Amino acid sequence: MRNDRHREFRASNGKEYKWKLGFLTPEVLAIITYFQHLLTSSQLVRCEDSKLIARFHRKGILSKKPSFLQIIEDEEIREEILLTFIWIEDVRKERERRNRHSAGGS
């Protein structure tokens, strides 16, 4: 299943998972810095119970901490978590490029 905000997949353990993509563009983030980490992190949840499985902590505008992917549960599928994360980040970056282009950015 696919929509503009989420990507779902079935892992090798037979369970379904959903990546919820962060939703703010860099232009908006320049205005909203305090709540940035709450609003922009992509999260992976298990579909059957909405349990948080992994979260991407994106580097903040004013933060010196690097971005990182935190795997909280279901470590037996960590390779699938990592591969699907790379995929959804590519989707998110492409969406941001399109948004900048349509807004007249470079």
C-alpha atoms as a PDB file:
ATOM      1  CA  MET A   1       0.000   0.000   0.000  1.00  0.00           C
ATOM      2  CA  ARG A   2       1.211   3.506  -0.778  1.00  0.00           C
ATOM      3  CA  ASN A   3       0.159   7.099  -0.191  1.00  0.00           C
ATOM      4  CA  ASP A   4       2.048  10.388  -0.174  1.00  0.00           C
ATOM      5  CA  ARG A   5       2.998  10.139   3.493  1.00  0.00           C
ATOM      6  CA  HIS A   6       3.565   6.413   4.136  1.00  0.00           C
ATOM      7  CA  ARG A   7       5.244   3.352   2.683  1.00  0.00           C
ATOM      8  CA  GLU A   8       4.294  -0.166   3.818  1.00  0.00           C
ATOM      9  CA  PHE A   9       6.138  -3.468   3.449  1.00  0.00           C
ATOM     10  CA  ARG A  10       5.975  -7.046   4.684  1.00  0.00           C
ATOM     11  CA  ALA A  11       9.198  -8.210   6.346  1.00  0.00           C
ATOM     12  CA  SER A  12      10.705 -11.699   6.320  1.00  0.00           C
ATOM     13  CA  ASN A  13       9.167 -12.329   9.769  1.00  0.00           C
ATOM     14  CA  GLY A  14       5.717 -12.125   8.110  1.00  0.00           C
ATOM     15  CA  LYS A  15       4.705  -8.881   9.832  1.00  0.00           C
ATOM     16  CA  GLU A  16       3.672  -5.705   8.044  1.00  0.00           C
ATOM     17  CA  TYR A  17       5.384  -2.396   8.767  1.00  0.00           C
ATOM     18  CA  LYS A  18       4.736   1.185   7.774  1.00  0.00           C
ATOM     19  CA  TRP A  19       7.243   4.005   7.375  1.00  0.00           C
ATOM     20  CA  LYS A  20       5.678   7.372   8.218  1.00  0.00           C
ATOM     21  CA  LEU A  21       7.709  10.025   6.425  1.00  0.00           C
ATOM     22  CA  GLY A  22       8.632  13.335   8.042  1.00  0.00           C
ATOM     23  CA  PHE A  23       6.578  16.129   6.546  1.00  0.00           C
ATOM     24  CA  LEU A  24       8.290  19.525   6.691  1.00  0.00           C
ATOM     25  CA  THR A  25      10.409  21.018   3.937  1.00  0.00           C
ATOM     26  CA  PRO A  26      13.721  22.779   4.646  1.00  0.00           C
ATOM     27  CA  GLU A  27      12.116  26.189   4.019  1.00  0.00           C
ATOM     28  CA  VAL A  28       9.528  25.619   6.733  1.00  0.00           C
ATOM     29  CA  LEU A  29      12.184  24.177   9.048  1.00  0.00           C
ATOM     30  CA  ALA A  30      14.068  27.443   8.913  1.00  0.00           C
ATOM     31  CA  ILE A  31      11.054  29.001  10.641  1.00  0.00           C
ATOM     32  CA  ILE A  32      10.178  26.166  13.024  1.00  0.00           C
ATOM     33  CA  THR A  33      13.394  25.054  14.696  1.00  0.00           C
ATOM     34  CA  TYR A  34      12.271  24.308  18.234  1.00  0.00           C
ATOM     35  CA  PHE A  35       9.843  21.505  17.322  1.00  0.00           C
ATOM     36  CA  GLN A  36      11.813  20.282  14.315  1.00  0.00           C
ATOM     37  CA  HIS A  37      12.835  16.933  15.801  1.00  0.00           C
ATOM     38  CA  LEU A  38       9.218  16.127  16.651  1.00  0.00           C
ATOM     39  CA  LEU A  39       7.864  17.027  13.229  1.00  0.00           C
ATOM     40  CA  THR A  40      10.421  15.780  10.734  1.00  0.00           C
ATOM     41  CA  SER A  41      11.596  12.410  11.919  1.00  0.00           C
ATOM     42  CA  SER A  42      10.509   9.462   9.812  1.00  0.00           C
ATOM     43  CA  GLN A  43       9.157   6.615  11.919  1.00  0.00           C
ATOM     44  CA  LEU A  44       8.646   2.907  11.331  1.00  0.00           C
ATOM     45  CA  VAL A  45       5.657   1.298  13.052  1.00  0.00           C
ATOM     46  CA  ARG A  46       4.358  -2.260  13.086  1.00  0.00           C
ATOM     47  CA  CYS A  47       0.954  -2.235  11.374  1.00  0.00           C
ATOM     48  CA  GLU A  48      -0.786  -4.725  13.687  1.00  0.00           C
ATOM     49  CA  ASP A  49      -0.312  -2.682  16.875  1.00  0.00           C
ATOM     50  CA  SER A  50       1.212   0.680  15.775  1.00  0.00           C
ATOM     51  CA  LYS A  51       4.260  -0.038  17.960  1.00  0.00           C
ATOM     52  CA  LEU A  52       7.243   2.207  17.189  1.00  0.00           C
ATOM     53  CA  ILE A  53      10.007   0.054  15.700  1.00  0.00           C
ATOM     54  CA  ALA A  54      12.539   2.590  14.412  1.00  0.00           C
ATOM     55  CA  ARG A  55      12.950   6.351  14.138  1.00  0.00           C
ATOM     56  CA  PHE A  56      15.248   8.508  12.057  1.00  0.00           C
ATOM     57  CA  HIS A  57      16.651  11.401  14.073  1.00  0.00           C
ATOM     58  CA  ARG A  58      17.378  14.111  11.536  1.00  0.00           C
ATOM     59  CA  LYS A  59      20.072  16.655  12.285  1.00  0.00           C
ATOM     60  CA  GLY A  60      18.509  19.917  13.403  1.00  0.00           C
ATOM     61  CA  ILE A  61      19.360  23.272  11.926  1.00  0.00           C
ATOM     62  CA  LEU A  62      21.061  24.411  15.121  1.00  0.00           C
ATOM     63  CA  SER A  63      22.163  20.971  16.312  1.00  0.00           C
ATOM     64  CA  LYS A  64      25.723  19.702  16.207  1.00  0.00           C
ATOM     65  CA  LYS A  65      24.557  16.090  16.636  1.00  0.00           C
ATOM     66  CA  PRO A  66      24.664  13.976  13.455  1.00  0.00           C
ATOM     67  CA  SER A  67      21.550  12.349  12.021  1.00  0.00           C
ATOM     68  CA  PHE A  68      21.030   8.697  12.978  1.00  0.00           C
ATOM     69  CA  LEU A  69      18.611   5.793  12.621  1.00  0.00           C
ATOM     70  CA  GLN A  70      17.474   4.295  15.936  1.00  0.00           C
ATOM     71  CA  ILE A  71      16.142   0.710  15.856  1.00  0.00           C
ATOM     72  CA  ILE A  72      13.978   0.217  18.940  1.00  0.00           C
ATOM     73  CA  GLU A  73      12.276  -3.176  18.361  1.00  0.00           C
ATOM     74  CA  ASP A  74      12.339  -6.181  15.985  1.00  0.00           C
ATOM     75  CA  GLU A  75      16.122  -6.259  15.594  1.00  0.00           C
ATOM     76  CA  GLU A  76      15.891  -9.600  13.754  1.00  0.00           C
ATOM     77  CA  ILE A  77      14.856  -7.615  10.654  1.00  0.00           C
ATOM     78  CA  ARG A  78      17.414  -4.819  11.061  1.00  0.00           C
ATOM     79  CA  GLU A  79      18.744  -5.299   7.512  1.00  0.00           C
ATOM     80  CA  GLU A  80      15.228  -4.845   6.113  1.00  0.00           C
ATOM     81  CA  ILE A  81      14.709  -1.809   8.337  1.00  0.00           C
ATOM     82  CA  LEU A  82      17.917  -0.271   7.012  1.00  0.00           C
ATOM     83  CA  LEU A  83      17.177  -1.054   3.345  1.00  0.00           C
ATOM     84  CA  THR A  84      13.613   0.256   3.517  1.00  0.00           C
ATOM     85  CA  PHE A  85      14.859   3.347   5.367  1.00  0.00           C
ATOM     86  CA  ILE A  86      17.282   4.099   2.517  1.00  0.00           C
ATOM     87  CA  TRP A  87      14.362   3.733   0.115  1.00  0.00           C
ATOM     88  CA  ILE A  88      12.010   6.073   2.012  1.00  0.00           C
ATOM     89  CA  GLU A  89      14.763   8.660   2.488  1.00  0.00           C
ATOM     90  CA  ASP A  90      15.310   8.648  -1.269  1.00  0.00           C
ATOM     91  CA  VAL A  91      11.548   9.154  -1.742  1.00  0.00           C
ATOM     92  CA  ARG A  92      11.529  12.007   0.803  1.00  0.00           C
ATOM     93  CA  LYS A  93      14.548  13.760  -0.753  1.00  0.00           C
ATOM     94  CA  GLU A  94      13.051  13.515  -4.235  1.00  0.00           C
ATOM     95  CA  ARG A  95       9.781  14.982  -2.934  1.00  0.00           C
ATOM     96  CA  GLU A  96      11.697  17.865  -1.335  1.00  0.00           C
ATOM     97  CA  ARG A  97      13.601  18.475  -4.598  1.00  0.00           C
ATOM     98  CA  ARG A  98      10.303  18.615  -6.502  1.00  0.00           C
ATOM     99  CA  ASN A  99       8.843  21.008  -3.909  1.00  0.00           C
ATOM    100  CA  ARG A 100      11.855  23.325  -4.160  1.00  0.00           C
ATOM    101  CA  HIS A 101      11.745  23.196  -7.956  1.00  0.00           C
ATOM    102  CA  SER A 102       8.016  23.948  -8.117  1.00  0.00           C
ATOM    103  CA  ALA A 103       8.525  26.845  -5.661  1.00  0.00           C
ATOM    104  CA  GLY A 104      11.162  28.366  -7.956  1.00  0.00           C
ATOM    105  CA  GLY A 105      14.223  27.163  -6.004  1.00  0.00           C
ATOM    106  CA  SER A 106      17.327  25.664  -7.569  1.00  0.00           C
END
